[in-house]
Protein backbone atom coordinates (compact mmCIF):
# COMPACT_ATOMS: atom_id res chain seq x y z
CA MET A 1 -215.83 175.18 -6.00
CA ILE A 2 -216.74 174.11 -2.69
CA GLU A 3 -219.36 176.11 -0.78
CA ALA A 4 -219.67 174.11 2.45
CA ILE A 5 -217.70 172.11 4.97
CA LEU A 6 -219.64 169.21 6.63
CA TRP A 7 -218.04 168.36 10.02
CA ASP A 8 -218.20 165.14 12.02
CA ASN A 9 -218.59 165.51 15.69
CA ASP A 10 -217.32 162.82 18.20
CA GLY A 11 -213.63 162.65 17.98
CA LEU A 12 -213.28 165.32 15.58
CA LEU A 13 -214.66 168.46 17.31
CA VAL A 14 -215.15 167.06 20.90
CA ASP A 15 -213.01 164.57 22.67
CA SER A 16 -216.09 162.41 23.56
CA GLU A 17 -215.19 159.21 21.65
CA ALA A 18 -212.09 159.03 24.30
CA LEU A 19 -214.57 159.60 27.18
CA PHE A 20 -216.92 156.83 25.82
CA PHE A 21 -214.32 154.44 25.16
CA ASN A 22 -212.69 154.86 28.64
CA LEU A 23 -216.19 154.42 30.28
CA THR A 24 -216.74 151.25 28.13
CA ARG A 25 -213.31 149.61 28.99
CA GLU A 26 -213.89 150.37 32.64
CA ALA A 27 -217.34 148.79 32.58
CA PHE A 28 -216.25 145.48 30.31
CA ALA A 29 -213.13 145.16 32.77
CA ASP A 30 -215.11 145.23 35.86
CA ALA A 31 -217.29 142.35 33.93
CA GLY A 32 -214.53 140.40 33.41
CA PHE A 33 -214.07 141.03 29.76
CA PRO A 34 -211.16 143.66 28.86
CA VAL A 35 -211.29 145.52 25.66
CA ASP A 36 -208.00 147.43 24.24
CA SER A 37 -208.10 150.56 22.35
CA ALA A 38 -207.11 148.92 18.93
CA PHE A 39 -209.64 146.49 18.99
CA TRP A 40 -212.30 149.15 19.74
CA GLY A 41 -211.15 151.55 17.40
CA ARG A 42 -211.16 149.04 14.49
CA GLU A 43 -214.43 147.49 15.22
CA TYR A 44 -216.63 149.98 16.99
CA LEU A 45 -215.36 153.27 15.38
CA GLY A 46 -214.11 151.73 12.01
CA ASN A 47 -216.65 148.85 11.25
CA ALA A 48 -219.42 150.32 12.77
CA LYS A 49 -220.12 147.46 15.33
CA HIS A 50 -222.49 148.15 18.23
CA SER A 51 -221.37 147.77 21.66
CA SER A 52 -223.49 144.70 22.34
CA GLU A 53 -221.79 143.01 19.42
CA ILE A 54 -218.47 143.71 20.44
CA ALA A 55 -219.20 142.33 24.17
CA LEU A 56 -220.52 139.00 22.48
CA GLU A 57 -217.36 138.85 20.56
CA LEU A 58 -215.39 139.12 23.75
CA GLY A 59 -217.72 136.28 25.20
CA MET A 60 -219.77 138.31 27.60
CA PRO A 61 -223.10 136.58 28.05
CA PRO A 62 -225.93 138.55 26.44
CA GLU A 63 -227.75 139.27 29.62
CA LEU A 64 -224.69 140.36 31.42
CA ALA A 65 -223.74 142.40 28.29
CA ARG A 66 -227.30 144.25 28.29
CA GLY A 67 -226.85 145.28 31.98
CA VAL A 68 -223.13 146.38 31.61
CA ILE A 69 -224.05 148.44 28.41
CA ALA A 70 -227.01 149.91 30.27
CA ARG A 71 -224.78 151.10 33.31
CA ARG A 72 -222.00 152.29 31.00
CA ASN A 73 -224.74 154.34 28.97
CA GLU A 74 -226.00 155.85 32.36
CA THR A 75 -222.45 156.82 33.48
CA PHE A 76 -221.83 158.45 29.92
CA LEU A 77 -224.92 160.68 30.06
CA LYS A 78 -223.77 161.87 33.85
CA CYS A 79 -220.52 162.72 32.42
CA LEU A 80 -221.89 164.94 29.71
CA GLU A 81 -223.38 167.03 32.66
CA GLN A 82 -219.78 168.47 32.64
CA PRO A 83 -218.00 170.23 29.60
CA VAL A 84 -216.52 167.88 27.02
CA PRO A 85 -213.24 169.14 25.86
CA LEU A 86 -212.86 170.63 22.37
CA LEU A 87 -210.07 168.90 20.38
CA PRO A 88 -206.85 170.73 19.65
CA ASP A 89 -207.42 173.84 16.97
CA VAL A 90 -211.11 173.32 16.65
CA PRO A 91 -212.13 176.68 17.87
CA GLU A 92 -209.56 178.38 15.79
CA THR A 93 -210.19 176.49 12.69
CA ILE A 94 -213.89 176.93 12.90
CA GLY A 95 -213.37 180.63 13.48
CA ALA A 96 -211.14 180.96 10.58
CA LEU A 97 -214.09 179.43 8.31
CA VAL A 98 -216.80 181.48 9.60
CA GLY A 99 -218.42 183.80 7.11
CA LYS A 100 -216.15 182.30 4.14
CA VAL A 101 -217.93 179.12 3.79
CA ARG A 102 -221.28 177.42 5.05
CA LEU A 103 -220.79 175.04 7.82
CA ALA A 104 -222.74 171.79 9.05
CA VAL A 105 -222.37 169.06 11.32
CA VAL A 106 -223.31 165.55 10.53
CA THR A 107 -222.98 163.30 13.34
CA GLY A 108 -224.27 159.87 14.45
CA SER A 109 -225.00 161.11 18.02
CA PRO A 110 -228.68 161.69 19.01
CA ARG A 111 -229.35 165.90 19.10
CA ASP A 112 -229.80 165.96 23.14
CA LYS A 113 -226.41 164.60 23.48
CA VAL A 114 -224.58 166.82 20.65
CA GLU A 115 -226.42 169.89 22.47
CA MET A 116 -225.14 168.75 25.85
CA MET A 117 -221.52 168.38 24.53
CA HIS A 118 -221.58 171.82 23.21
CA ARG A 119 -223.85 173.71 25.47
CA ASP A 120 -220.92 175.81 27.24
CA ASN A 121 -218.49 176.13 24.14
CA GLY A 122 -220.79 178.16 21.77
CA LEU A 123 -219.67 176.16 18.59
CA LEU A 124 -222.92 174.98 17.48
CA GLY A 125 -224.07 178.57 16.76
CA HIS A 126 -221.40 178.59 13.80
CA PHE A 127 -223.43 175.59 11.91
CA GLU A 128 -226.09 176.42 9.74
CA VAL A 129 -227.30 172.67 9.56
CA ILE A 130 -226.85 169.89 12.25
CA ILE A 131 -227.61 166.46 11.13
CA THR A 132 -228.10 164.01 14.01
CA ASP A 133 -229.02 160.53 14.44
CA ASN A 134 -232.65 161.76 14.95
CA ASP A 135 -232.86 162.91 11.42
CA ILE A 136 -232.02 159.79 9.68
CA SER A 137 -232.83 155.98 9.58
CA ASN A 138 -229.50 154.61 8.53
CA PRO A 139 -226.49 155.67 10.32
CA LYS A 140 -222.76 155.89 8.91
CA PRO A 141 -221.32 154.29 7.15
CA HIS A 142 -224.60 154.42 5.05
CA PRO A 143 -224.61 157.71 3.13
CA GLU A 144 -228.03 158.97 4.15
CA PRO A 145 -226.46 161.44 6.91
CA TYR A 146 -224.51 163.39 4.33
CA LEU A 147 -227.27 163.09 1.71
CA LYS A 148 -229.51 164.52 4.29
CA ALA A 149 -226.90 167.26 4.88
CA LEU A 150 -227.03 168.04 1.11
CA GLU A 151 -230.76 168.26 0.80
CA TYR A 152 -230.89 170.52 3.76
CA LEU A 153 -228.00 172.73 2.29
CA GLY A 154 -229.35 172.62 -1.51
CA LEU A 155 -226.10 171.60 -2.60
CA GLU A 156 -224.41 169.01 -4.85
CA PRO A 157 -221.74 166.59 -3.36
CA TRP A 158 -219.07 168.31 -5.53
CA GLN A 159 -219.98 171.53 -3.77
CA CYS A 160 -218.89 170.19 -0.33
CA LEU A 161 -216.02 169.01 1.57
CA ALA A 162 -216.62 166.47 4.38
CA VAL A 163 -214.32 166.18 7.56
CA GLU A 164 -214.16 162.86 9.40
CA ASP A 165 -212.15 161.05 12.09
CA SER A 166 -212.65 157.09 11.11
CA ARG A 167 -213.41 154.73 8.19
CA ARG A 168 -216.83 154.56 9.02
CA GLY A 169 -217.50 158.35 8.58
CA LEU A 170 -215.17 158.45 5.71
CA ALA A 171 -217.26 155.55 3.91
CA SER A 172 -220.31 157.44 4.52
CA ALA A 173 -219.25 160.66 3.08
CA HIS A 174 -217.54 158.89 -0.09
CA THR A 175 -220.37 156.88 -0.82
CA ALA A 176 -222.61 160.12 -0.99
CA GLY A 177 -220.01 161.34 -3.45
CA ILE A 178 -218.29 164.21 -1.09
CA PRO A 179 -214.71 164.32 -0.84
CA CYS A 180 -213.47 163.51 2.76
CA VAL A 181 -210.47 164.77 4.62
CA VAL A 182 -209.56 162.62 7.68
CA VAL A 183 -208.18 163.90 10.85
CA PRO A 184 -207.55 160.58 12.82
CA ASN A 185 -207.61 160.75 16.53
CA ALA A 186 -205.88 158.32 19.17
CA LEU A 187 -208.58 155.60 18.83
CA THR A 188 -208.88 155.65 14.88
CA ARG A 189 -205.32 156.42 13.77
CA LEU A 190 -204.68 152.66 12.81
CA GLN A 191 -207.60 152.53 10.56
CA GLN A 192 -206.75 152.60 6.84
CA PHE A 193 -208.14 155.59 4.95
CA GLU A 194 -207.28 154.95 1.18
CA LEU A 195 -210.49 156.55 -0.10
CA ALA A 196 -209.65 159.95 1.57
CA TYR A 197 -209.05 163.26 -0.22
CA ALA A 198 -206.42 163.90 2.33
CA VAL A 199 -205.34 162.71 5.81
CA GLU A 200 -204.33 165.45 8.39
CA GLU A 201 -202.78 165.18 11.78
CA ARG A 202 -204.53 168.16 13.10
CA VAL A 203 -207.88 169.69 12.59
CA SER A 204 -206.26 173.03 11.21
CA GLY A 205 -204.86 171.13 8.48
CA VAL A 206 -208.02 171.08 6.71
CA LEU A 207 -207.78 175.03 6.25
CA LYS A 208 -205.03 174.63 3.46
CA HIS A 209 -207.46 172.27 1.52
CA VAL A 210 -210.40 174.60 2.02
CA ALA A 211 -208.34 177.66 0.69
CA ALA A 212 -207.45 175.54 -2.33
CA LEU A 213 -210.73 174.34 -3.16
CA THR A 214 -212.51 177.60 -2.78
CA GLY A 215 -209.71 179.82 -4.05
CA ARG A 216 -210.02 182.23 -1.16
CA SER A 217 -206.86 184.02 -0.16
CA ASP A 218 -208.59 185.36 3.19
CA ILE A 219 -208.73 181.95 4.90
CA ALA A 220 -205.80 182.29 7.68
CA LEU A 221 -203.91 179.22 8.08
CA LEU A 222 -202.83 178.05 11.65
């Protein structure tokens, strides 16, 4: 029986992946190297390639790429000074689980950016454990982020359920031995999720799996 739900953040709880991609697309296009959403979703979000690797694959000279990416990163930080929208059903879904299962966030973003994204929505207060890039040496798809969460929670993989939006995150959870529900977003929906416990269109779809895996009848389905 599961005791905890481990959530990815970007592209699952908050719409930060769309913001980051749009800024990247604009910056790359201004430099003369357009990148489309399908390529970005596959290579950056699915295959865990860095922005610099993608820039080089598109033919951008290394020195130009460094400047373009640095300016993109500065713009992204400025954008985080404004509220980042939560994705559909997120507040209601997390609210339906509070007090019924333990909750954790397992994200590849640095802690300061995570706190900026959530500073106005109050969501982080519901999570017992928050694992960020600052806490690990090997990012997703390596299993370390999820193994670290298990360590902090004092739980075994079979006692948890992960929720991710990308193939990269799914691989991380799966390799850690944690079953994973995938909720793809507009950038990741073309990826393949054959290792997933289930694939849902909306975050609220996770609730029926939690209810079934916990045996709780008091988890309201949205």
